[in-house]
Every structure is written in structure tokens, then in C-alpha cells.
Amino acid sequence: MSEAEVINLAVSEAEVQSISTVAAKIVEEIKNFAEKHGVAIPYDIQKIEEDLIIFLTKRKVVNLRKIRVGILEGGGMIIGDTITGKRRADLIFRIIYKEGGARTP
């Protein structure tokens, strides 16, 4: 007979929504930035949002503090923490983590 363990975890709706909201906001700003400069986003937007949720959730491991989006002179776009080469425009997100937060009973 196999053995099973059940662990019940309580995750507040506010905690889940806040990470999702931050990721969605970053993606929306990247999309607006790309449109403003007339370039197509060369990445899957849904994948970017999912990756951001993971990075923001695992912030103590990956220490995500800055995201840089660059519009290259050739008309392309690149996303990363450091970007080299000639760029027409940069969009920089500085992420500041606050201690505490709203708690639900």
C-alpha cells in the first residue's frame, strides 16, 4: 500500500493577485513601449508574463531588481538586465520590494 501525505496551504487572494497584477502591468508597459516605437515584440507576450510571475515569486533566489527593454537602431527589440549595442530607446523597470503587505484573515 502506498503512503500519502496531505499538506494544506493557505495563500491569500491578495498575494496571488498582486504578483499577477505586477507582471501584467510590466507586460502592458512593454507592449505600449514597443507600439510607441513601431516595433513588434519578438517574444510571446503570454510567456513573458508567466516568466515574470515566476521571477517575482522567486525573487529571493533570482534577485530580480531591474528589467531593461531596448529598441535597437535596426528596429528590433531586446529584453534583459543588460543590453549592449546601439539603441533608439530604453525602458527600464526598477523593482523595489516592500516588507510586509496586506494580510487576509
N, C-alpha and C. Protein backbone atom coordinates (compact mmCIF):
# COMPACT_ATOMS: atom_id res chain seq x y z
N MET A 1 0.84 -1.18 0.00
CA MET A 1 0.00 0.00 0.00
C MET A 1 0.88 1.24 0.00
N SER A 2 0.55 2.19 -0.84
CA SER A 2 1.35 3.42 -0.89
C SER A 2 0.92 4.39 0.21
N GLU A 3 1.85 5.25 0.54
CA GLU A 3 1.60 6.21 1.59
C GLU A 3 1.33 7.57 0.98
N ALA A 4 0.46 8.35 1.58
CA ALA A 4 0.15 9.68 1.07
C ALA A 4 0.16 10.68 2.21
N GLU A 5 0.63 11.86 1.89
CA GLU A 5 0.61 12.96 2.84
C GLU A 5 -0.16 14.10 2.21
N VAL A 6 -0.92 14.80 3.00
CA VAL A 6 -1.65 15.97 2.53
C VAL A 6 -1.23 17.16 3.36
N ILE A 7 -0.85 18.21 2.68
CA ILE A 7 -0.48 19.44 3.36
C ILE A 7 -1.40 20.53 2.83
N ASN A 8 -2.12 21.18 3.71
CA ASN A 8 -3.00 22.27 3.32
C ASN A 8 -2.25 23.59 3.49
N LEU A 9 -2.17 24.36 2.42
CA LEU A 9 -1.50 25.66 2.46
C LEU A 9 -2.53 26.76 2.23
N ALA A 10 -2.43 27.80 3.01
CA ALA A 10 -3.33 28.95 2.83
C ALA A 10 -2.56 30.04 2.10
N VAL A 11 -3.07 30.43 0.95
CA VAL A 11 -2.48 31.52 0.18
C VAL A 11 -3.57 32.56 -0.01
N SER A 12 -3.29 33.76 0.44
CA SER A 12 -4.33 34.78 0.33
C SER A 12 -4.54 35.20 -1.11
N GLU A 13 -5.75 35.55 -1.42
CA GLU A 13 -6.09 36.01 -2.76
C GLU A 13 -5.30 37.27 -3.10
N ALA A 14 -5.08 38.12 -2.11
CA ALA A 14 -4.33 39.37 -2.34
C ALA A 14 -2.90 39.07 -2.77
N GLU A 15 -2.27 38.06 -2.16
CA GLU A 15 -0.90 37.71 -2.53
C GLU A 15 -0.82 37.24 -3.97
N VAL A 16 -1.73 36.39 -4.36
CA VAL A 16 -1.71 35.85 -5.72
C VAL A 16 -2.02 36.94 -6.72
N GLN A 17 -3.02 37.75 -6.45
CA GLN A 17 -3.41 38.81 -7.39
C GLN A 17 -2.34 39.87 -7.52
N SER A 18 -1.64 40.18 -6.44
CA SER A 18 -0.66 41.25 -6.53
C SER A 18 0.51 40.88 -7.44
N ILE A 19 1.02 39.67 -7.36
CA ILE A 19 2.10 39.23 -8.25
C ILE A 19 1.62 39.22 -9.69
N SER A 20 0.44 38.70 -9.91
CA SER A 20 -0.13 38.64 -11.25
C SER A 20 -0.35 40.04 -11.81
N THR A 21 -0.82 40.94 -10.97
CA THR A 21 -1.08 42.32 -11.40
C THR A 21 0.21 43.03 -11.78
N VAL A 22 1.25 42.84 -10.98
CA VAL A 22 2.55 43.47 -11.29
C VAL A 22 3.08 42.95 -12.62
N ALA A 23 3.04 41.65 -12.83
CA ALA A 23 3.53 41.06 -14.08
C ALA A 23 2.72 41.58 -15.27
N ALA A 24 1.41 41.64 -15.12
CA ALA A 24 0.54 42.13 -16.21
C ALA A 24 0.85 43.59 -16.52
N LYS A 25 1.11 44.39 -15.49
CA LYS A 25 1.43 45.81 -15.68
C LYS A 25 2.75 45.97 -16.44
N ILE A 26 3.76 45.19 -16.07
CA ILE A 26 5.05 45.25 -16.77
C ILE A 26 4.88 44.88 -18.23
N VAL A 27 4.15 43.81 -18.50
CA VAL A 27 3.93 43.37 -19.88
C VAL A 27 3.17 44.44 -20.67
N GLU A 28 2.17 45.04 -20.06
CA GLU A 28 1.40 46.10 -20.74
C GLU A 28 2.30 47.29 -21.08
N GLU A 29 3.17 47.66 -20.17
CA GLU A 29 4.09 48.78 -20.42
C GLU A 29 5.08 48.44 -21.53
N ILE A 30 5.56 47.20 -21.56
CA ILE A 30 6.46 46.77 -22.63
C ILE A 30 5.74 46.83 -23.97
N LYS A 31 4.51 46.37 -23.99
CA LYS A 31 3.70 46.39 -25.21
C LYS A 31 3.48 47.82 -25.70
N ASN A 32 3.13 48.73 -24.78
CA ASN A 32 2.93 50.14 -25.14
C ASN A 32 4.21 50.77 -25.65
N PHE A 33 5.32 50.44 -25.02
CA PHE A 33 6.63 50.97 -25.42
C PHE A 33 6.97 50.52 -26.83
N ALA A 34 6.75 49.24 -27.11
CA ALA A 34 7.03 48.70 -28.45
C ALA A 34 6.16 49.37 -29.50
N GLU A 35 4.87 49.51 -29.20
CA GLU A 35 3.96 50.16 -30.14
C GLU A 35 4.34 51.61 -30.39
N LYS A 36 4.74 52.30 -29.33
CA LYS A 36 5.15 53.71 -29.45
C LYS A 36 6.32 53.86 -30.41
N HIS A 37 7.21 52.88 -30.42
CA HIS A 37 8.40 52.94 -31.27
C HIS A 37 8.25 52.14 -32.56
N GLY A 38 7.04 51.63 -32.80
CA GLY A 38 6.74 50.96 -34.06
C GLY A 38 7.48 49.66 -34.30
N VAL A 39 7.71 48.91 -33.22
CA VAL A 39 8.37 47.61 -33.39
C VAL A 39 7.47 46.49 -32.87
N ALA A 40 7.64 45.34 -33.45
CA ALA A 40 6.90 44.16 -32.99
C ALA A 40 7.66 43.52 -31.84
N ILE A 41 6.96 43.01 -30.88
CA ILE A 41 7.59 42.30 -29.77
C ILE A 41 7.99 40.91 -30.27
N PRO A 42 9.29 40.60 -30.25
CA PRO A 42 9.75 39.33 -30.82
C PRO A 42 9.58 38.14 -29.87
N TYR A 43 8.81 38.31 -28.84
CA TYR A 43 8.62 37.25 -27.85
C TYR A 43 7.13 37.00 -27.67
N ASP A 44 6.80 35.85 -27.12
CA ASP A 44 5.42 35.51 -26.79
C ASP A 44 5.03 36.29 -25.53
N ILE A 45 4.08 37.20 -25.67
CA ILE A 45 3.66 38.04 -24.55
C ILE A 45 3.20 37.21 -23.35
N GLN A 46 2.43 36.17 -23.61
CA GLN A 46 1.95 35.31 -22.52
C GLN A 46 3.12 34.67 -21.79
N LYS A 47 4.14 34.24 -22.53
CA LYS A 47 5.33 33.63 -21.93
C LYS A 47 6.10 34.64 -21.08
N ILE A 48 6.20 35.89 -21.57
CA ILE A 48 6.87 36.93 -20.80
C ILE A 48 6.15 37.12 -19.46
N GLU A 49 4.83 37.20 -19.50
CA GLU A 49 4.07 37.40 -18.27
C GLU A 49 4.24 36.22 -17.31
N GLU A 50 4.19 35.01 -17.84
CA GLU A 50 4.38 33.82 -16.99
C GLU A 50 5.78 33.79 -16.38
N ASP A 51 6.80 34.13 -17.18
CA ASP A 51 8.17 34.18 -16.66
C ASP A 51 8.30 35.23 -15.57
N LEU A 52 7.68 36.39 -15.78
CA LEU A 52 7.74 37.44 -14.76
C LEU A 52 7.10 37.00 -13.46
N ILE A 53 5.99 36.30 -13.56
CA ILE A 53 5.33 35.81 -12.34
C ILE A 53 6.28 34.88 -11.58
N ILE A 54 6.96 34.02 -12.31
CA ILE A 54 7.93 33.11 -11.67
C ILE A 54 9.07 33.90 -11.05
N PHE A 55 9.65 34.85 -11.82
CA PHE A 55 10.76 35.64 -11.29
C PHE A 55 10.34 36.45 -10.06
N LEU A 56 9.18 37.08 -10.11
CA LEU A 56 8.72 37.88 -8.98
C LEU A 56 8.44 37.01 -7.77
N THR A 57 7.92 35.82 -8.01
CA THR A 57 7.62 34.90 -6.91
C THR A 57 8.91 34.37 -6.29
N LYS A 58 9.92 34.12 -7.11
CA LYS A 58 11.19 33.57 -6.65
C LYS A 58 12.24 34.66 -6.43
N ARG A 59 11.79 35.85 -6.12
CA ARG A 59 12.71 37.00 -6.06
C ARG A 59 13.90 36.79 -5.14
N LYS A 60 13.74 36.04 -4.06
CA LYS A 60 14.85 35.83 -3.13
C LYS A 60 15.93 34.96 -3.76
N VAL A 61 15.55 34.16 -4.74
CA VAL A 61 16.52 33.29 -5.42
C VAL A 61 17.17 34.02 -6.59
N VAL A 62 16.35 34.62 -7.44
CA VAL A 62 16.88 35.24 -8.66
C VAL A 62 17.24 36.71 -8.47
N ASN A 63 16.76 37.34 -7.38
CA ASN A 63 17.06 38.73 -7.06
C ASN A 63 16.76 39.67 -8.24
N LEU A 64 15.58 39.51 -8.84
CA LEU A 64 15.17 40.36 -9.95
C LEU A 64 14.95 41.78 -9.44
N ARG A 65 15.79 42.70 -9.88
CA ARG A 65 15.71 44.10 -9.44
C ARG A 65 15.51 45.06 -10.60
N LYS A 66 15.90 44.63 -11.79
CA LYS A 66 15.82 45.54 -12.92
C LYS A 66 15.52 44.76 -14.19
N ILE A 67 14.62 45.31 -15.00
CA ILE A 67 14.34 44.76 -16.32
C ILE A 67 14.55 45.90 -17.30
N ARG A 68 15.33 45.63 -18.32
CA ARG A 68 15.61 46.65 -19.34
C ARG A 68 15.06 46.17 -20.67
N VAL A 69 14.35 47.07 -21.34
CA VAL A 69 13.82 46.80 -22.67
C VAL A 69 14.46 47.82 -23.60
N GLY A 70 15.08 47.33 -24.67
CA GLY A 70 15.75 48.23 -25.60
C GLY A 70 15.18 48.12 -27.00
N ILE A 71 14.98 49.26 -27.63
CA ILE A 71 14.62 49.30 -29.04
C ILE A 71 15.93 49.55 -29.78
N LEU A 72 16.33 48.59 -30.58
CA LEU A 72 17.61 48.69 -31.29
C LEU A 72 17.48 49.59 -32.50
N GLU A 73 18.59 50.17 -32.93
CA GLU A 73 18.58 51.07 -34.08
C GLU A 73 18.06 50.38 -35.34
N GLY A 74 18.26 49.08 -35.43
CA GLY A 74 17.79 48.34 -36.60
C GLY A 74 16.29 48.06 -36.57
N GLY A 75 15.61 48.48 -35.49
CA GLY A 75 14.17 48.30 -35.41
C GLY A 75 13.73 47.10 -34.61
N GLY A 76 14.67 46.37 -34.01
CA GLY A 76 14.31 45.21 -33.20
C GLY A 76 14.16 45.59 -31.73
N MET A 77 13.78 44.62 -30.95
CA MET A 77 13.62 44.82 -29.52
C MET A 77 14.33 43.70 -28.78
N ILE A 78 14.89 44.05 -27.61
CA ILE A 78 15.54 43.05 -26.77
C ILE A 78 15.18 43.34 -25.32
N ILE A 79 15.01 42.28 -24.54
CA ILE A 79 14.67 42.40 -23.13
C ILE A 79 15.75 41.68 -22.33
N GLY A 80 16.23 42.32 -21.27
CA GLY A 80 17.24 41.70 -20.42
C GLY A 80 17.65 42.65 -19.31
N ASP A 81 18.63 42.25 -18.52
CA ASP A 81 19.09 43.15 -17.46
C ASP A 81 20.21 44.06 -17.94
N THR A 82 20.98 43.62 -18.92
CA THR A 82 21.97 44.47 -19.57
C THR A 82 21.86 44.29 -21.07
N ILE A 83 21.93 45.38 -21.78
CA ILE A 83 21.79 45.34 -23.24
C ILE A 83 22.96 46.12 -23.84
N THR A 84 23.62 45.50 -24.79
CA THR A 84 24.71 46.19 -25.47
C THR A 84 24.29 46.52 -26.90
N GLY A 85 24.99 47.43 -27.50
CA GLY A 85 24.68 47.82 -28.86
C GLY A 85 23.94 49.14 -28.91
N LYS A 86 23.83 49.68 -30.11
CA LYS A 86 23.17 50.97 -30.29
C LYS A 86 21.66 50.80 -30.22
N ARG A 87 21.06 51.68 -29.42
CA ARG A 87 19.62 51.62 -29.22
C ARG A 87 18.99 52.97 -29.50
N ARG A 88 17.75 52.91 -29.94
CA ARG A 88 16.98 54.15 -30.14
C ARG A 88 16.31 54.58 -28.85
N ALA A 89 15.92 53.62 -28.03
CA ALA A 89 15.18 53.93 -26.81
C ALA A 89 15.34 52.80 -25.80
N ASP A 90 15.24 53.16 -24.55
CA ASP A 90 15.30 52.18 -23.46
C ASP A 90 14.12 52.39 -22.53
N LEU A 91 13.61 51.31 -22.01
CA LEU A 91 12.59 51.33 -20.97
C LEU A 91 13.16 50.50 -19.83
N ILE A 92 13.24 51.09 -18.65
CA ILE A 92 13.86 50.40 -17.52
C ILE A 92 12.84 50.30 -16.38
N PHE A 93 12.64 49.08 -15.90
CA PHE A 93 11.82 48.85 -14.72
C PHE A 93 12.76 48.62 -13.55
N ARG A 94 12.62 49.40 -12.51
CA ARG A 94 13.36 49.16 -11.27
C ARG A 94 12.36 48.59 -10.29
N ILE A 95 12.64 47.42 -9.79
CA ILE A 95 11.69 46.72 -8.92
C ILE A 95 12.16 46.86 -7.48
N ILE A 96 11.29 47.40 -6.65
CA ILE A 96 11.58 47.61 -5.25
C ILE A 96 10.62 46.75 -4.44
N TYR A 97 11.15 45.90 -3.61
CA TYR A 97 10.33 45.02 -2.81
C TYR A 97 10.10 45.65 -1.43
N LYS A 98 8.84 45.66 -1.00
CA LYS A 98 8.50 46.22 0.29
C LYS A 98 8.25 45.09 1.27
N GLU A 99 8.65 45.31 2.48
CA GLU A 99 8.41 44.32 3.53
C GLU A 99 6.94 44.35 3.92
N GLY A 100 6.42 43.23 4.36
CA GLY A 100 5.04 43.17 4.83
C GLY A 100 4.05 43.15 3.69
N GLY A 101 2.90 43.72 3.93
CA GLY A 101 1.85 43.75 2.93
C GLY A 101 0.52 43.44 3.57
N ALA A 102 -0.51 43.51 2.78
CA ALA A 102 -1.86 43.25 3.28
C ALA A 102 -2.02 41.77 3.63
N ARG A 103 -2.66 41.51 4.70
CA ARG A 103 -2.94 40.13 5.10
C ARG A 103 -4.44 39.96 5.23
N THR A 104 -4.89 38.80 4.84
CA THR A 104 -6.31 38.50 4.98
C THR A 104 -6.47 37.43 6.05
N PRO A 105 -7.51 37.53 6.84
CA PRO A 105 -7.69 36.54 7.93
C PRO A 105 -7.99 35.16 7.40
